[in-house]
């Protein structure tokens, strides 16, 4: 599946687009981490929870469950909030 990567994570992927395999969001993130070591930890914490500043969208809808099923032709969009002052 196609994965759109937020700019804050381009240092892992080298760009805004990547490919991943997996039948769930968790599996797709594990595959992304296999291809781009360390990227999963920037999105998922030690307790296997989605980090507060990360959002996942599939088919235009937000996905909040790592067990959410994905189809091979889905497009996963990863959004990372920016903060600062």
N, C-alpha and C. Protein backbone atom coordinates (compact mmCIF):
# COMPACT_ATOMS: atom_id res chain seq x y z
N UNK A 1 0.85 -1.18 0.00
CA UNK A 1 0.00 0.00 0.00
C UNK A 1 0.89 1.23 0.00
N UNK A 2 0.30 2.31 -0.47
CA UNK A 2 1.02 3.58 -0.45
C UNK A 2 0.89 4.21 0.93
N UNK A 3 1.97 4.82 1.37
CA UNK A 3 1.98 5.50 2.66
C UNK A 3 2.52 6.91 2.45
N UNK A 4 1.76 7.89 2.90
CA UNK A 4 2.24 9.28 2.85
C UNK A 4 2.85 9.61 4.19
N UNK A 5 4.07 10.07 4.15
CA UNK A 5 4.88 10.29 5.34
C UNK A 5 4.96 11.78 5.66
N UNK A 6 4.74 12.17 6.92
CA UNK A 6 4.86 13.60 7.26
C UNK A 6 6.32 14.06 7.19
N UNK A 7 6.50 15.33 6.96
CA UNK A 7 7.86 15.86 6.75
C UNK A 7 8.79 15.58 7.92
N UNK A 8 8.26 15.53 9.13
CA UNK A 8 9.11 15.28 10.30
C UNK A 8 9.74 13.88 10.27
N UNK A 9 9.20 12.99 9.44
CA UNK A 9 9.73 11.63 9.36
C UNK A 9 10.45 11.35 8.05
N UNK A 10 10.63 12.36 7.24
CA UNK A 10 11.34 12.17 5.97
C UNK A 10 12.77 11.73 6.17
N UNK A 11 13.35 12.03 7.34
CA UNK A 11 14.73 11.62 7.59
C UNK A 11 14.84 10.09 7.60
N UNK A 12 13.74 9.39 7.87
CA UNK A 12 13.75 7.93 7.84
C UNK A 12 13.55 7.41 6.43
N UNK A 13 12.60 7.99 5.70
CA UNK A 13 12.20 7.43 4.41
C UNK A 13 12.88 8.10 3.22
N UNK A 14 13.41 9.28 3.44
CA UNK A 14 14.03 10.01 2.35
C UNK A 14 13.04 10.74 1.47
N UNK A 15 11.78 10.78 1.86
CA UNK A 15 10.79 11.49 1.07
C UNK A 15 9.40 11.34 1.66
N UNK A 16 8.43 11.84 0.91
CA UNK A 16 7.06 11.90 1.42
C UNK A 16 6.23 10.65 1.11
N UNK A 17 6.77 9.75 0.31
CA UNK A 17 6.00 8.56 -0.05
C UNK A 17 6.81 7.30 0.25
N UNK A 18 6.09 6.28 0.68
CA UNK A 18 6.72 4.99 0.97
C UNK A 18 5.72 3.90 0.63
N UNK A 19 6.18 2.68 0.68
CA UNK A 19 5.34 1.51 0.48
C UNK A 19 5.41 0.65 1.74
N UNK A 20 4.31 -0.01 2.06
CA UNK A 20 4.29 -0.93 3.20
C UNK A 20 3.29 -2.04 2.90
N UNK A 21 3.54 -3.18 3.50
CA UNK A 21 2.63 -4.31 3.42
C UNK A 21 2.07 -4.58 4.81
N UNK A 22 0.87 -5.14 4.85
CA UNK A 22 0.28 -5.51 6.13
C UNK A 22 -1.23 -5.49 6.04
N UNK A 23 -1.85 -6.43 6.74
CA UNK A 23 -3.31 -6.49 6.69
C UNK A 23 -3.98 -5.72 7.81
N UNK A 24 -3.18 -5.14 8.72
CA UNK A 24 -3.70 -4.25 9.76
C UNK A 24 -2.77 -3.04 9.85
N UNK A 25 -3.24 -2.01 10.55
CA UNK A 25 -2.38 -0.84 10.74
C UNK A 25 -1.10 -1.25 11.47
N UNK A 26 -1.22 -2.09 12.50
CA UNK A 26 -0.05 -2.55 13.24
C UNK A 26 0.94 -3.26 12.33
N UNK A 27 0.45 -4.13 11.46
CA UNK A 27 1.33 -4.87 10.55
C UNK A 27 2.00 -3.93 9.54
N UNK A 28 1.25 -2.96 9.06
CA UNK A 28 1.84 -1.99 8.12
C UNK A 28 2.94 -1.17 8.79
N UNK A 29 2.73 -0.79 10.05
CA UNK A 29 3.75 -0.01 10.76
C UNK A 29 4.98 -0.87 11.05
N UNK A 30 4.76 -2.15 11.33
CA UNK A 30 5.89 -3.06 11.54
C UNK A 30 6.68 -3.21 10.25
N UNK A 31 5.99 -3.31 9.12
CA UNK A 31 6.68 -3.42 7.83
C UNK A 31 7.43 -2.12 7.51
N UNK A 32 6.81 -1.00 7.81
CA UNK A 32 7.52 0.28 7.61
C UNK A 32 8.81 0.30 8.42
N UNK A 33 8.74 -0.19 9.67
CA UNK A 33 9.91 -0.20 10.54
C UNK A 33 10.98 -1.16 10.02
N UNK A 34 10.56 -2.24 9.37
CA UNK A 34 11.52 -3.16 8.76
C UNK A 34 12.26 -2.46 7.62
N UNK A 35 11.51 -1.66 6.87
CA UNK A 35 12.11 -0.96 5.73
C UNK A 35 12.89 0.29 6.15
N UNK A 36 12.39 0.95 7.22
CA UNK A 36 12.99 2.20 7.69
C UNK A 36 13.16 2.11 9.20
N UNK A 37 14.22 1.43 9.66
CA UNK A 37 14.39 1.16 11.09
C UNK A 37 14.26 2.42 11.96
N UNK A 38 13.45 2.26 13.01
CA UNK A 38 13.26 3.33 13.98
C UNK A 38 12.03 4.18 13.76
N UNK A 39 11.40 4.09 12.59
CA UNK A 39 10.28 4.98 12.28
C UNK A 39 9.05 4.64 13.13
N UNK A 40 8.83 3.36 13.42
CA UNK A 40 7.65 2.98 14.21
C UNK A 40 7.67 3.62 15.59
N UNK A 41 8.84 3.65 16.23
CA UNK A 41 8.93 4.21 17.58
C UNK A 41 8.59 5.69 17.60
N UNK A 42 8.73 6.38 16.50
CA UNK A 42 8.35 7.80 16.43
C UNK A 42 6.83 7.95 16.38
N UNK A 43 6.10 6.85 16.12
CA UNK A 43 4.64 6.92 16.01
C UNK A 43 3.92 6.13 17.10
N UNK A 44 4.57 5.09 17.61
CA UNK A 44 3.97 4.18 18.59
C UNK A 44 4.89 4.14 19.82
N UNK A 45 4.30 4.30 21.01
CA UNK A 45 5.14 4.35 22.21
C UNK A 45 5.45 2.96 22.77
N UNK A 46 6.12 2.93 23.92
CA UNK A 46 6.56 1.68 24.53
C UNK A 46 5.38 0.80 24.97
N UNK A 47 4.24 1.41 25.23
CA UNK A 47 3.04 0.66 25.62
C UNK A 47 2.18 0.27 24.42
N UNK A 48 2.75 0.39 23.23
CA UNK A 48 2.07 0.04 21.99
C UNK A 48 0.83 0.90 21.74
N UNK A 49 0.93 2.18 22.12
CA UNK A 49 -0.14 3.14 21.89
C UNK A 49 0.31 4.17 20.86
N UNK A 50 -0.64 4.66 20.11
CA UNK A 50 -0.34 5.71 19.13
C UNK A 50 0.05 6.97 19.90
N UNK A 51 1.18 7.55 19.54
CA UNK A 51 1.63 8.77 20.22
C UNK A 51 0.63 9.90 19.99
N UNK A 52 0.52 10.78 20.97
CA UNK A 52 -0.51 11.83 20.97
C UNK A 52 -0.41 12.75 19.76
N UNK A 53 0.76 12.96 19.24
CA UNK A 53 0.95 13.90 18.13
C UNK A 53 0.82 13.25 16.76
N UNK A 54 0.46 11.96 16.72
CA UNK A 54 0.37 11.23 15.46
C UNK A 54 -1.10 10.87 15.17
N UNK A 55 -1.50 11.03 13.92
CA UNK A 55 -2.82 10.60 13.46
C UNK A 55 -2.64 9.78 12.19
N UNK A 56 -3.49 8.74 12.07
CA UNK A 56 -3.48 7.88 10.88
C UNK A 56 -4.83 8.03 10.18
N UNK A 57 -4.81 8.11 8.87
CA UNK A 57 -6.03 8.19 8.07
C UNK A 57 -5.97 7.15 6.95
N UNK A 58 -7.08 6.47 6.77
CA UNK A 58 -7.23 5.50 5.68
C UNK A 58 -8.58 5.76 5.03
N UNK A 59 -8.58 5.97 3.74
CA UNK A 59 -9.84 6.24 3.03
C UNK A 59 -10.52 7.50 3.53
N UNK A 60 -9.76 8.46 3.98
CA UNK A 60 -10.30 9.73 4.45
C UNK A 60 -10.82 9.70 5.88
N UNK A 61 -10.76 8.56 6.54
CA UNK A 61 -11.25 8.45 7.91
C UNK A 61 -10.08 8.19 8.87
N UNK A 62 -10.17 8.81 10.03
CA UNK A 62 -9.13 8.60 11.02
C UNK A 62 -9.20 7.19 11.59
N UNK A 63 -8.05 6.58 11.76
CA UNK A 63 -7.93 5.24 12.34
C UNK A 63 -7.22 5.38 13.68
N UNK A 64 -7.84 4.86 14.74
CA UNK A 64 -7.25 4.99 16.08
C UNK A 64 -6.92 3.63 16.69
N UNK A 65 -7.23 2.56 15.97
CA UNK A 65 -7.00 1.21 16.48
C UNK A 65 -5.92 0.53 15.63
N UNK A 66 -4.87 0.07 16.29
CA UNK A 66 -3.79 -0.59 15.55
C UNK A 66 -4.25 -1.89 14.88
N UNK A 67 -5.36 -2.46 15.34
CA UNK A 67 -5.89 -3.69 14.74
C UNK A 67 -6.79 -3.40 13.54
N UNK A 68 -6.94 -2.14 13.18
CA UNK A 68 -7.80 -1.77 12.06
C UNK A 68 -7.33 -2.48 10.78
N UNK A 69 -8.22 -3.20 10.09
CA UNK A 69 -7.81 -3.90 8.87
C UNK A 69 -7.51 -2.94 7.72
N UNK A 70 -6.53 -3.31 6.92
CA UNK A 70 -6.15 -2.52 5.74
C UNK A 70 -6.17 -3.41 4.52
N UNK A 71 -6.58 -2.86 3.40
CA UNK A 71 -6.53 -3.61 2.14
C UNK A 71 -5.21 -3.31 1.44
N UNK A 72 -4.75 -4.22 0.58
CA UNK A 72 -3.47 -4.02 -0.09
C UNK A 72 -3.41 -2.74 -0.94
N UNK A 73 -4.56 -2.28 -1.43
CA UNK A 73 -4.56 -1.07 -2.26
C UNK A 73 -4.97 0.17 -1.48
N UNK A 74 -4.99 0.09 -0.16
CA UNK A 74 -5.32 1.26 0.67
C UNK A 74 -4.20 2.28 0.60
N UNK A 75 -4.56 3.50 0.94
CA UNK A 75 -3.55 4.55 1.08
C UNK A 75 -3.57 4.99 2.54
N UNK A 76 -2.45 4.83 3.19
CA UNK A 76 -2.30 5.21 4.60
C UNK A 76 -1.64 6.59 4.64
N UNK A 77 -2.31 7.50 5.31
CA UNK A 77 -1.76 8.85 5.47
C UNK A 77 -1.40 9.05 6.93
N UNK A 78 -0.16 9.42 7.17
CA UNK A 78 0.31 9.67 8.53
C UNK A 78 0.45 11.17 8.68
N UNK A 79 -0.16 11.70 9.74
CA UNK A 79 -0.11 13.14 10.00
C UNK A 79 0.53 13.33 11.36
N UNK A 80 1.45 14.26 11.43
CA UNK A 80 2.12 14.56 12.69
C UNK A 80 1.87 16.02 13.04
N UNK A 81 1.32 16.24 14.23
CA UNK A 81 1.06 17.61 14.68
C UNK A 81 2.37 18.31 14.98
N UNK A 82 2.38 19.59 14.75
CA UNK A 82 3.53 20.41 15.07
C UNK A 82 3.18 21.26 16.28
N UNK A 83 4.12 21.48 17.12
CA UNK A 83 3.89 22.36 18.27
C UNK A 83 5.14 23.18 18.50
N UNK A 84 4.99 24.15 19.31
CA UNK A 84 6.12 25.01 19.62
C UNK A 84 5.61 26.36 20.06
N UNK A 85 6.50 27.18 20.40
CA UNK A 85 6.06 28.48 20.87
C UNK A 85 7.08 29.54 20.58
